[in-house]
Amino acid sequence: MIRTIGLSKRFGRQQAVDNLSLTIDRGEIYGFLGPNGAGKTTTIRMLLGLTTPDSGQILIDGEPVSTTGTSYRRRIGVVPEKHPSGMWNWMTSTEYLQLFCNLFDVEDSAEKINAAFERLQLSEHRNKLIRQFSRGMMQKLSFARAMIHNPDILLLDEPISGLDPYGIHQIRDIILEEHKKGKTIIISSHLLTEIEKFCTRIGIIYKGQLVSENATKTVIDSLIPNRIFRIDVEHACQELTEKLANLTFVQEVSLSGNSVMVTVGKDSDYRKELSKFFFEEGMPPLLIQEQAHSLEDAFLSLTSLSKEADK
């Protein structure tokens, strides 16, 4: 659906984006990750035609697009990290959505604006001035504006920023609903737990370069060096942990109350071997549970490796 080929952008001495090639498939939820200053925002601005690349290409459906053109932007709905509300603070929220309906030639605009307000539970604020909106309300209004022209691509920069728990749940549902409709969704966020819940695939950028791009689980599995099991028994003791540590496949053991944390290699499951050990010790396990690694673990591991390579 979207490809960048050798995309580069420099600001003075700073190479913000360096020969970046991304592939975003049609109908997927793609997570675009990186620490502050990695080049995410510059990349997004180039995708939107707000910043002209020094070199490289952007393709949509295999067709090169010009960042100086505007026609392809109709295919994209954007929720920015920072809302330029000062530009619109004299408008009501209804006037704001009507403006974008006019820009995108949306038919039956009044009906679609009403539907957007209902979907995001903003109906009671339809005549309120934008300058009176809270950050969370502005985030919801941005979602309404991004979807009002029914684009086939949604680009969401920190999509749940400023929302309360109920608002987060509401936006999660909307993202998943749009995905089911076949929308291609790109999410840039620092909240890695949210990315992990949504994204089918992720790309990680560091110092303007793509350092990893694959299925979310594949990235996590490739960067996590081991597996950790929590094993509950009736009476754990230090002697037990010492015996466990002597097993050839065990890398590390720690004790917390009657829970034993066992770190093993990721080359095998080892639950069968661990269960056998505890039964032979006369301590049948009450629970053997693998601790799930997160995208945050993988992200920190990968950027740490990248930093080491820079030294």
C-alpha atoms as a PDB file:
ATOM      1  CA  MET A   1       0.000   0.000   0.000  1.00  0.00           C
ATOM      2  CA  ILE A   2       2.744   2.442   1.036  1.00  0.00           C
ATOM      3  CA  ARG A   3       6.454   2.206   0.341  1.00  0.00           C
ATOM      4  CA  THR A   4       9.314   4.559   0.915  1.00  0.00           C
ATOM      5  CA  ILE A   5      12.513   3.920  -1.038  1.00  0.00           C
ATOM      6  CA  GLY A   6      15.765   5.469   0.152  1.00  0.00           C
ATOM      7  CA  LEU A   7      13.999   8.370   1.842  1.00  0.00           C
ATOM      8  CA  SER A   8      16.469  10.886   3.305  1.00  0.00           C
ATOM      9  CA  LYS A   9      16.232  14.294   4.939  1.00  0.00           C
ATOM     10  CA  ARG A  10      18.909  16.467   6.514  1.00  0.00           C
ATOM     11  CA  PHE A  11      18.507  19.632   8.585  1.00  0.00           C
ATOM     12  CA  GLY A  12      21.848  21.409   8.670  1.00  0.00           C
ATOM     13  CA  ARG A  13      24.344  18.967  10.173  1.00  0.00           C
ATOM     14  CA  GLN A  14      21.639  16.626  11.445  1.00  0.00           C
ATOM     15  CA  GLN A  15      20.676  13.648   9.303  1.00  0.00           C
ATOM     16  CA  ALA A  16      17.065  13.288  10.454  1.00  0.00           C
ATOM     17  CA  VAL A  17      16.149  10.425   8.076  1.00  0.00           C
ATOM     18  CA  ASP A  18      18.811   8.305   6.408  1.00  0.00           C
ATOM     19  CA  ASN A  19      18.017   6.134   3.375  1.00  0.00           C
ATOM     20  CA  LEU A  20      14.761   4.889   4.914  1.00  0.00           C
ATOM     21  CA  SER A  21      12.832   2.152   3.106  1.00  0.00           C
ATOM     22  CA  LEU A  22       9.515   1.104   4.673  1.00  0.00           C
ATOM     23  CA  THR A  23       6.890  -1.326   3.413  1.00  0.00           C
ATOM     24  CA  ILE A  24       3.340  -1.014   4.733  1.00  0.00           C
ATOM     25  CA  ASP A  25       0.895  -3.603   3.426  1.00  0.00           C
ATOM     26  CA  ARG A  26      -2.703  -2.904   2.510  1.00  0.00           C
ATOM     27  CA  GLY A  27      -5.148  -3.455   5.347  1.00  0.00           C
ATOM     28  CA  GLU A  28      -2.591  -3.888   8.129  1.00  0.00           C
ATOM     29  CA  ILE A  29      -2.004  -1.984  11.346  1.00  0.00           C
ATOM     30  CA  TYR A  30       1.616  -0.911  11.170  1.00  0.00           C
ATOM     31  CA  GLY A  31       3.447   0.368  14.244  1.00  0.00           C
ATOM     32  CA  PHE A  32       6.150   2.957  13.598  1.00  0.00           C
ATOM     33  CA  LEU A  33       8.468   3.130  16.608  1.00  0.00           C
ATOM     34  CA  GLY A  34      11.599   4.914  17.700  1.00  0.00           C
ATOM     35  CA  PRO A  35      13.001   6.989  20.564  1.00  0.00           C
ATOM     36  CA  ASN A  36      12.747  10.769  20.578  1.00  0.00           C
ATOM     37  CA  GLY A  37      14.819  12.238  17.765  1.00  0.00           C
ATOM     38  CA  ALA A  38      14.848   8.997  15.794  1.00  0.00           C
ATOM     39  CA  GLY A  39      13.234  10.564  12.716  1.00  0.00           C
ATOM     40  CA  LYS A  40       9.611   9.437  13.109  1.00  0.00           C
ATOM     41  CA  THR A  41       8.056  12.901  12.899  1.00  0.00           C
ATOM     42  CA  THR A  42      10.187  13.911   9.900  1.00  0.00           C
ATOM     43  CA  THR A  43       9.182  10.690   8.124  1.00  0.00           C
ATOM     44  CA  ILE A  44       5.497  11.316   8.838  1.00  0.00           C
ATOM     45  CA  ARG A  45       5.776  14.895   7.567  1.00  0.00           C
ATOM     46  CA  MET A  46       7.344  13.624   4.345  1.00  0.00           C
ATOM     47  CA  LEU A  47       4.558  11.057   3.914  1.00  0.00           C
ATOM     48  CA  LEU A  48       2.040  13.876   4.269  1.00  0.00           C
ATOM     49  CA  GLY A  49       3.858  16.184   1.858  1.00  0.00           C
ATOM     50  CA  LEU A  50       4.591  18.724   4.587  1.00  0.00           C
ATOM     51  CA  THR A  51       8.359  18.223   4.266  1.00  0.00           C
ATOM     52  CA  THR A  52      10.187  17.617   0.999  1.00  0.00           C
ATOM     53  CA  PRO A  53      12.748  14.775   1.108  1.00  0.00           C
ATOM     54  CA  ASP A  54      16.297  15.448  -0.046  1.00  0.00           C
ATOM     55  CA  SER A  55      16.233  12.126  -1.894  1.00  0.00           C
ATOM     56  CA  GLY A  56      14.165   8.961  -2.232  1.00  0.00           C
ATOM     57  CA  GLN A  57      10.624   8.116  -3.265  1.00  0.00           C
ATOM     58  CA  ILE A  58       7.208   7.641  -1.703  1.00  0.00           C
ATOM     59  CA  LEU A  59       4.833   5.230  -3.444  1.00  0.00           C
ATOM     60  CA  ILE A  60       1.145   4.546  -2.837  1.00  0.00           C
ATOM     61  CA  ASP A  61      -0.242   1.483  -4.601  1.00  0.00           C
ATOM     62  CA  GLY A  62       3.017   1.305  -6.528  1.00  0.00           C
ATOM     63  CA  GLU A  63       2.627   4.786  -7.980  1.00  0.00           C
ATOM     64  CA  PRO A  64       5.193   7.472  -7.100  1.00  0.00           C
ATOM     65  CA  VAL A  65       3.656  10.491  -5.407  1.00  0.00           C
ATOM     66  CA  SER A  66       4.900  14.044  -5.445  1.00  0.00           C
ATOM     67  CA  THR A  67       5.228  15.670  -2.060  1.00  0.00           C
ATOM     68  CA  THR A  68       4.326  18.951  -3.761  1.00  0.00           C
ATOM     69  CA  GLY A  69       0.997  17.534  -4.955  1.00  0.00           C
ATOM     70  CA  THR A  70      -2.206  17.365  -2.942  1.00  0.00           C
ATOM     71  CA  SER A  71      -4.465  14.808  -4.642  1.00  0.00           C
ATOM     72  CA  TYR A  72      -3.103  11.763  -2.807  1.00  0.00           C
ATOM     73  CA  ARG A  73      -3.670  13.440   0.561  1.00  0.00           C
ATOM     74  CA  ARG A  74      -7.400  12.818   0.116  1.00  0.00           C
ATOM     75  CA  ARG A  75      -6.619   9.145   0.698  1.00  0.00           C
ATOM     76  CA  ILE A  76      -5.086   9.845   4.113  1.00  0.00           C
ATOM     77  CA  GLY A  77      -6.766  10.747   7.395  1.00  0.00           C
ATOM     78  CA  VAL A  78      -4.408  12.163  10.016  1.00  0.00           C
ATOM     79  CA  VAL A  79      -4.543  12.436  13.794  1.00  0.00           C
ATOM     80  CA  PRO A  80      -1.477  14.548  14.672  1.00  0.00           C
ATOM     81  CA  GLU A  81       0.410  14.457  17.954  1.00  0.00           C
ATOM     82  CA  LYS A  82      -0.043  18.194  18.390  1.00  0.00           C
ATOM     83  CA  HIS A  83      -3.278  19.861  17.344  1.00  0.00           C
ATOM     84  CA  PRO A  84      -3.070  23.325  15.751  1.00  0.00           C
ATOM     85  CA  SER A  85      -6.202  24.343  17.623  1.00  0.00           C
ATOM     86  CA  GLY A  86      -5.160  27.991  17.654  1.00  0.00           C
ATOM     87  CA  MET A  87      -5.941  28.136  13.946  1.00  0.00           C
ATOM     88  CA  TRP A  88      -9.520  27.072  14.514  1.00  0.00           C
ATOM     89  CA  ASN A  89     -10.339  28.308  18.022  1.00  0.00           C
ATOM     90  CA  TRP A  90     -12.941  30.752  16.715  1.00  0.00           C
ATOM     91  CA  MET A  91     -14.938  27.855  15.177  1.00  0.00           C
ATOM     92  CA  THR A  92     -17.450  25.524  16.746  1.00  0.00           C
ATOM     93  CA  SER A  93     -16.707  21.835  16.412  1.00  0.00           C
ATOM     94  CA  THR A  94     -19.487  21.530  13.811  1.00  0.00           C
ATOM     95  CA  GLU A  95     -17.985  24.337  11.731  1.00  0.00           C
ATOM     96  CA  TYR A  96     -14.592  22.679  12.025  1.00  0.00           C
ATOM     97  CA  LEU A  97     -15.834  19.355  10.633  1.00  0.00           C
ATOM     98  CA  GLN A  98     -17.874  21.132   7.945  1.00  0.00           C
ATOM     99  CA  LEU A  99     -14.726  22.929   6.781  1.00  0.00           C
ATOM    100  CA  PHE A 100     -12.984  19.605   6.133  1.00  0.00           C
ATOM    101  CA  CYS A 101     -16.099  18.174   4.511  1.00  0.00           C
ATOM    102  CA  ASN A 102     -15.950  21.111   2.088  1.00  0.00           C
ATOM    103  CA  LEU A 103     -12.231  20.599   1.459  1.00  0.00           C
ATOM    104  CA  PHE A 104     -12.741  16.913   0.646  1.00  0.00           C
ATOM    105  CA  ASP A 105     -16.057  17.315  -1.212  1.00  0.00           C
ATOM    106  CA  VAL A 106     -17.877  15.056   1.251  1.00  0.00           C
ATOM    107  CA  GLU A 107     -21.467  14.348   0.196  1.00  0.00           C
ATOM    108  CA  ASP A 108     -24.274  14.360   2.780  1.00  0.00           C
ATOM    109  CA  SER A 109     -21.910  16.211   5.106  1.00  0.00           C
ATOM    110  CA  ALA A 110     -24.520  17.120   7.749  1.00  0.00           C
ATOM    111  CA  GLU A 111     -25.485  13.473   8.141  1.00  0.00           C
ATOM    112  CA  LYS A 112     -21.862  12.348   8.346  1.00  0.00           C
ATOM    113  CA  ILE A 113     -20.986  15.028  10.871  1.00  0.00           C
ATOM    114  CA  ASN A 114     -23.887  13.911  13.078  1.00  0.00           C
ATOM    115  CA  ALA A 115     -22.734  10.294  12.795  1.00  0.00           C
ATOM    116  CA  ALA A 116     -19.162  11.283  13.720  1.00  0.00           C
ATOM    117  CA  PHE A 117     -20.324  13.175  16.808  1.00  0.00           C
ATOM    118  CA  GLU A 118     -22.449  10.232  17.937  1.00  0.00           C
ATOM    119  CA  ARG A 119     -19.672   7.718  17.322  1.00  0.00           C
ATOM    120  CA  LEU A 120     -17.236   9.686  19.484  1.00  0.00           C
ATOM    121  CA  GLN A 121     -19.871  10.813  21.991  1.00  0.00           C
ATOM    122  CA  LEU A 122     -19.332  14.495  21.249  1.00  0.00           C
ATOM    123  CA  SER A 123     -22.910  15.368  20.260  1.00  0.00           C
ATOM    124  CA  GLU A 124     -23.486  17.595  23.277  1.00  0.00           C
ATOM    125  CA  HIS A 125     -20.393  19.617  22.301  1.00  0.00           C
ATOM    126  CA  ARG A 126     -21.301  20.166  18.656  1.00  0.00           C
ATOM    127  CA  ASN A 127     -21.899  23.896  19.166  1.00  0.00           C
ATOM    128  CA  LYS A 128     -19.007  24.453  21.559  1.00  0.00           C
ATOM    129  CA  LEU A 129     -16.051  26.571  20.446  1.00  0.00           C
ATOM    130  CA  ILE A 130     -12.878  24.589  19.869  1.00  0.00           C
ATOM    131  CA  ARG A 131     -10.957  26.800  22.276  1.00  0.00           C
ATOM    132  CA  GLN A 132     -13.188  25.396  25.033  1.00  0.00           C
ATOM    133  CA  PHE A 133     -12.238  21.798  24.249  1.00  0.00           C
ATOM    134  CA  SER A 134     -10.029  19.821  26.614  1.00  0.00           C
ATOM    135  CA  ARG A 135      -7.038  17.925  25.213  1.00  0.00           C
ATOM    136  CA  GLY A 136      -8.986  14.660  25.316  1.00  0.00           C
ATOM    137  CA  MET A 137     -11.996  16.194  23.537  1.00  0.00           C
ATOM    138  CA  MET A 138      -9.691  17.669  20.899  1.00  0.00           C
ATOM    139  CA  GLN A 139      -8.180  14.229  20.362  1.00  0.00           C
ATOM    140  CA  LYS A 140     -11.635  12.776  19.707  1.00  0.00           C
ATOM    141  CA  LEU A 141     -12.523  15.650  17.396  1.00  0.00           C
ATOM    142  CA  SER A 142      -9.316  14.989  15.458  1.00  0.00           C
ATOM    143  CA  PHE A 143     -10.416  11.390  14.972  1.00  0.00           C
ATOM    144  CA  ALA A 144     -13.759  12.619  13.659  1.00  0.00           C
ATOM    145  CA  ARG A 145     -11.992  14.973  11.233  1.00  0.00           C
ATOM    146  CA  ALA A 146      -9.530  12.269  10.126  1.00  0.00           C
ATOM    147  CA  MET A 147     -12.345   9.864   9.218  1.00  0.00           C
ATOM    148  CA  ILE A 148     -14.960  12.310   7.884  1.00  0.00           C
ATOM    149  CA  HIS A 149     -13.951  11.794   4.221  1.00  0.00           C
ATOM    150  CA  ASN A 150     -13.640   7.999   4.581  1.00  0.00           C
ATOM    151  CA  PRO A 151      -9.926   7.730   3.656  1.00  0.00           C
ATOM    152  CA  ASP A 152      -8.377   4.328   3.008  1.00  0.00           C
ATOM    153  CA  ILE A 153      -5.256   5.222   5.040  1.00  0.00           C
ATOM    154  CA  LEU A 154      -5.238   6.433   8.645  1.00  0.00           C
ATOM    155  CA  LEU A 155      -2.027   7.914  10.046  1.00  0.00           C
ATOM    156  CA  LEU A 156      -2.229   8.199  13.819  1.00  0.00           C
ATOM    157  CA  ASP A 157       0.507   9.970  15.773  1.00  0.00           C
ATOM    158  CA  GLU A 158       0.175   9.211  19.514  1.00  0.00           C
ATOM    159  CA  PRO A 159      -3.539   8.385  19.037  1.00  0.00           C
ATOM    160  CA  ILE A 160      -4.510   7.997  22.702  1.00  0.00           C
ATOM    161  CA  SER A 161      -2.575  10.979  24.021  1.00  0.00           C
ATOM    162  CA  GLY A 162      -4.585  13.030  26.517  1.00  0.00           C
ATOM    163  CA  LEU A 163      -7.430  10.520  26.821  1.00  0.00           C
ATOM    164  CA  ASP A 164      -8.885   9.137  30.042  1.00  0.00           C
ATOM    165  CA  PRO A 165      -9.262   5.335  30.429  1.00  0.00           C
ATOM    166  CA  TYR A 166     -12.759   5.355  28.932  1.00  0.00           C
ATOM    167  CA  GLY A 167     -11.587   7.456  25.976  1.00  0.00           C
ATOM    168  CA  ILE A 168      -8.656   5.093  25.404  1.00  0.00           C
ATOM    169  CA  HIS A 169     -11.035   2.123  25.276  1.00  0.00           C
ATOM    170  CA  GLN A 170     -13.301   4.023  22.891  1.00  0.00           C
ATOM    171  CA  ILE A 171     -10.460   4.906  20.499  1.00  0.00           C
ATOM    172  CA  ARG A 172      -9.122   1.336  20.617  1.00  0.00           C
ATOM    173  CA  ASP A 173     -12.524   0.089  19.467  1.00  0.00           C
ATOM    174  CA  ILE A 174     -12.644   2.649  16.647  1.00  0.00           C
ATOM    175  CA  ILE A 175      -9.172   1.681  15.413  1.00  0.00           C
ATOM    176  CA  LEU A 176     -10.141  -1.994  15.348  1.00  0.00           C
ATOM    177  CA  GLU A 177     -13.462  -1.197  13.620  1.00  0.00           C
ATOM    178  CA  GLU A 178     -11.639   0.767  10.904  1.00  0.00           C
ATOM    179  CA  HIS A 179      -9.157  -2.080  10.503  1.00  0.00           C
ATOM    180  CA  LYS A 180     -12.035  -4.527   9.956  1.00  0.00           C
ATOM    181  CA  LYS A 181     -13.291  -2.244   7.191  1.00  0.00           C
ATOM    182  CA  GLY A 182      -9.998  -2.758   5.383  1.00  0.00           C
ATOM    183  CA  LYS A 183      -8.316   0.508   6.280  1.00  0.00           C
ATOM    184  CA  THR A 184      -4.522   0.657   6.279  1.00  0.00           C
ATOM    185  CA  ILE A 185      -3.516   2.120   9.645  1.00  0.00           C
ATOM    186  CA  ILE A 186      -0.137   3.514  10.674  1.00  0.00           C
ATOM    187  CA  ILE A 187       0.367   4.185  14.375  1.00  0.00           C
ATOM    188  CA  SER A 188       3.308   6.102  15.781  1.00  0.00           C
ATOM    189  CA  SER A 189       3.447   6.006  19.557  1.00  0.00           C
ATOM    190  CA  HIS A 190       5.700   5.962  22.600  1.00  0.00           C
ATOM    191  CA  LEU A 191       3.149   3.777  24.421  1.00  0.00           C
ATOM    192  CA  LEU A 192       4.588   0.432  23.412  1.00  0.00           C
ATOM    193  CA  THR A 193       1.943  -1.563  25.260  1.00  0.00           C
ATOM    194  CA  GLU A 194      -0.682   0.011  22.991  1.00  0.00           C
ATOM    195  CA  ILE A 195       1.320  -0.733  19.842  1.00  0.00           C
ATOM    196  CA  GLU A 196       1.662  -4.339  20.951  1.00  0.00           C
ATOM    197  CA  LYS A 197      -2.115  -4.700  21.349  1.00  0.00           C
ATOM    198  CA  PHE A 198      -2.910  -3.309  17.901  1.00  0.00           C
ATOM    199  CA  CYS A 199      -0.179  -3.835  15.385  1.00  0.00           C
ATOM    200  CA  THR A 200       0.239  -6.721  13.000  1.00  0.00           C
ATOM    201  CA  ARG A 201       3.701  -5.483  12.010  1.00  0.00           C
ATOM    202  CA  ILE A 202       6.169  -2.904  13.252  1.00  0.00           C
ATOM    203  CA  GLY A 203       9.121  -0.903  11.994  1.00  0.00           C
ATOM    204  CA  ILE A 204      11.679   0.460  14.439  1.00  0.00           C
ATOM    205  CA  ILE A 205      13.711   3.515  13.446  1.00  0.00           C
ATOM    206  CA  TYR A 206      16.866   4.686  15.196  1.00  0.00           C
ATOM    207  CA  LYS A 207      18.976   7.683  14.158  1.00  0.00           C
ATOM    208  CA  GLY A 208      16.966   7.966  10.967  1.00  0.00           C
ATOM    209  CA  GLN A 209      17.566   4.372   9.895  1.00  0.00           C
ATOM    210  CA  LEU A 210      15.272   1.353   9.919  1.00  0.00           C
ATOM    211  CA  VAL A 211      16.794  -1.162  12.331  1.00  0.00           C
ATOM    212  CA  SER A 212      13.973  -3.720  12.344  1.00  0.00           C
ATOM    213  CA  GLU A 213      10.777  -4.372  10.400  1.00  0.00           C
ATOM    214  CA  ASN A 214       8.711  -7.519  10.789  1.00  0.00           C
ATOM    215  CA  ALA A 215       5.633  -9.080  12.395  1.00  0.00           C
ATOM    216  CA  THR A 216       5.303  -7.813  15.965  1.00  0.00           C
ATOM    217  CA  LYS A 217       5.766 -11.253  17.551  1.00  0.00           C
ATOM    218  CA  THR A 218       8.737 -11.986  15.284  1.00  0.00           C
ATOM    219  CA  VAL A 219      10.507  -8.805  16.398  1.00  0.00           C
ATOM    220  CA  ILE A 220       9.858  -9.581  20.057  1.00  0.00           C
ATOM    221  CA  ASP A 221      11.010 -13.191  19.735  1.00  0.00           C
ATOM    222  CA  SER A 222      14.153 -12.261  17.809  1.00  0.00           C
ATOM    223  CA  LEU A 223      15.295  -9.739  20.403  1.00  0.00           C
ATOM    224  CA  ILE A 224      14.417 -11.523  23.629  1.00  0.00           C
ATOM    225  CA  PRO A 225      17.348 -13.770  24.652  1.00  0.00           C
ATOM    226  CA  ASN A 226      15.542 -16.108  27.043  1.00  0.00           C
ATOM    227  CA  ARG A 227      12.318 -17.387  28.558  1.00  0.00           C
ATOM    228  CA  ILE A 228      11.261 -16.847  32.167  1.00  0.00           C
ATOM    229  CA  PHE A 229       8.919 -19.156  34.075  1.00  0.00           C
ATOM    230  CA  ARG A 230       7.163 -18.510  37.354  1.00  0.00           C
ATOM    231  CA  ILE A 231       6.682 -21.719  39.329  1.00  0.00           C
ATOM    232  CA  ASP A 232       4.532 -21.746  42.487  1.00  0.00           C
ATOM    233  CA  VAL A 233       5.020 -24.455  45.120  1.00  0.00           C
ATOM    234  CA  GLU A 234       3.745 -24.909  48.674  1.00  0.00           C
ATOM    235  CA  HIS A 235       7.092 -24.412  50.388  1.00  0.00           C
ATOM    236  CA  ALA A 236       9.986 -22.969  48.394  1.00  0.00           C
ATOM    237  CA  CYS A 237      13.449 -22.723  49.955  1.00  0.00           C
ATOM    238  CA  GLN A 238      16.987 -21.657  49.143  1.00  0.00           C
ATOM    239  CA  GLU A 239      18.172 -25.259  48.842  1.00  0.00           C
ATOM    240  CA  LEU A 240      15.616 -25.814  46.079  1.00  0.00           C
ATOM    241  CA  THR A 241      16.860 -22.836  44.092  1.00  0.00           C
ATOM    242  CA  GLU A 242      20.446 -24.050  44.383  1.00  0.00           C
ATOM    243  CA  LYS A 243      19.478 -27.443  42.933  1.00  0.00           C
ATOM    244  CA  LEU A 244      17.564 -25.729  40.139  1.00  0.00           C
ATOM    245  CA  ALA A 245      20.553 -23.562  39.284  1.00  0.00           C
ATOM    246  CA  ASN A 246      22.626 -26.709  38.724  1.00  0.00           C
ATOM    247  CA  LEU A 247      20.374 -27.901  35.870  1.00  0.00           C
ATOM    248  CA  THR A 248      22.223 -27.525  32.578  1.00  0.00           C
ATOM    249  CA  PHE A 249      19.441 -25.601  30.821  1.00  0.00           C
ATOM    250  CA  VAL A 250      18.796 -23.129  33.675  1.00  0.00           C
ATOM    251  CA  GLN A 251      20.435 -19.711  33.349  1.00  0.00           C
ATOM    252  CA  GLU A 252      19.167 -17.954  36.476  1.00  0.00           C
ATOM    253  CA  VAL A 253      16.963 -18.641  39.506  1.00  0.00           C
ATOM    254  CA  SER A 254      15.381 -16.270  42.021  1.00  0.00           C
ATOM    255  CA  LEU A 255      12.983 -16.781  44.909  1.00  0.00           C
ATOM    256  CA  SER A 256      10.011 -14.632  45.934  1.00  0.00           C
ATOM    257  CA  GLY A 257       7.929 -16.147  48.709  1.00  0.00           C
ATOM    258  CA  ASN A 258       6.731 -19.496  47.387  1.00  0.00           C
ATOM    259  CA  SER A 259       7.269 -18.473  43.777  1.00  0.00           C
ATOM    260  CA  VAL A 260      10.437 -19.514  41.951  1.00  0.00           C
ATOM    261  CA  MET A 261      11.469 -17.490  38.889  1.00  0.00           C
ATOM    262  CA  VAL A 262      13.498 -19.611  36.475  1.00  0.00           C
ATOM    263  CA  THR A 263      15.267 -18.195  33.413  1.00  0.00           C
ATOM    264  CA  VAL A 264      16.053 -20.643  30.612  1.00  0.00           C
ATOM    265  CA  GLY A 265      17.166 -20.425  26.986  1.00  0.00           C
ATOM    266  CA  LYS A 266      14.534 -19.802  24.321  1.00  0.00           C
ATOM    267  CA  ASP A 267      15.631 -22.824  22.275  1.00  0.00           C
ATOM    268  CA  SER A 268      13.019 -25.052  23.960  1.00  0.00           C
ATOM    269  CA  ASP A 269       9.930 -24.879  26.184  1.00  0.00           C
ATOM    270  CA  TYR A 270      11.471 -26.697  29.195  1.00  0.00           C
ATOM    271  CA  ARG A 271       8.154 -26.886  31.077  1.00  0.00           C
ATOM    272  CA  LYS A 272       8.258 -30.689  30.948  1.00  0.00           C
ATOM    273  CA  GLU A 273      11.789 -30.788  32.387  1.00  0.00           C
ATOM    274  CA  LEU A 274      10.918 -28.259  35.110  1.00  0.00           C
ATOM    275  CA  SER A 275       7.769 -30.146  36.073  1.00  0.00           C
ATOM    276  CA  LYS A 276       9.746 -33.407  36.303  1.00  0.00           C
ATOM    277  CA  PHE A 277      12.349 -31.753  38.542  1.00  0.00           C
ATOM    278  CA  PHE A 278       9.762 -30.448  41.019  1.00  0.00           C
ATOM    279  CA  PHE A 279       7.923 -33.782  41.196  1.00  0.00           C
ATOM    280  CA  GLU A 280      11.197 -35.590  41.879  1.00  0.00           C
ATOM    281  CA  GLU A 281      11.891 -33.104  44.675  1.00  0.00           C
ATOM    282  CA  GLY A 282       8.509 -33.932  46.215  1.00  0.00           C
ATOM    283  CA  MET A 283       7.124 -30.473  45.450  1.00  0.00           C
ATOM    284  CA  PRO A 284       4.439 -30.781  42.766  1.00  0.00           C
ATOM    285  CA  PRO A 285       4.137 -27.353  41.095  1.00  0.00           C
ATOM    286  CA  LEU A 286       0.887 -25.502  41.743  1.00  0.00           C
ATOM    287  CA  LEU A 287       1.547 -23.253  38.752  1.00  0.00           C
ATOM    288  CA  ILE A 288       4.010 -23.076  35.869  1.00  0.00           C
ATOM    289  CA  GLN A 289       3.508 -19.872  33.941  1.00  0.00           C
ATOM    290  CA  GLU A 290       5.707 -18.238  31.318  1.00  0.00           C
ATOM    291  CA  GLN A 291       6.222 -14.521  31.767  1.00  0.00           C
ATOM    292  CA  ALA A 292       5.274 -12.761  28.548  1.00  0.00           C
ATOM    293  CA  HIS A 293       7.916 -10.486  27.069  1.00  0.00           C
ATOM    294  CA  SER A 294       6.676  -7.179  25.745  1.00  0.00           C
ATOM    295  CA  LEU A 295       7.402  -4.996  22.764  1.00  0.00           C
ATOM    296  CA  GLU A 296       8.971  -2.562  25.213  1.00  0.00           C
ATOM    297  CA  ASP A 297      11.541  -5.218  26.180  1.00  0.00           C
ATOM    298  CA  ALA A 298      12.319  -5.797  22.505  1.00  0.00           C
ATOM    299  CA  PHE A 299      12.475  -2.072  21.769  1.00  0.00           C
ATOM    300  CA  LEU A 300      14.908  -1.401  24.605  1.00  0.00           C
ATOM    301  CA  SER A 301      17.001  -4.404  23.600  1.00  0.00           C
ATOM    302  CA  LEU A 302      17.207  -3.294  19.977  1.00  0.00           C
ATOM    303  CA  THR A 303      18.014   0.355  20.665  1.00  0.00           C
ATOM    304  CA  SER A 304      20.619  -0.714  23.232  1.00  0.00           C
ATOM    305  CA  LEU A 305      22.261  -2.898  20.575  1.00  0.00           C
ATOM    306  CA  SER A 306      22.172   0.018  18.137  1.00  0.00           C
ATOM    307  CA  LYS A 307      23.793   2.336  20.679  1.00  0.00           C
ATOM    308  CA  GLU A 308      26.529  -0.220  21.327  1.00  0.00           C
ATOM    309  CA  ALA A 309      27.198  -0.460  17.587  1.00  0.00           C
ATOM    310  CA  ASP A 310      27.583   3.343  17.432  1.00  0.00           C
ATOM    311  CA  LYS A 311      30.415   3.329  19.985  1.00  0.00           C
END
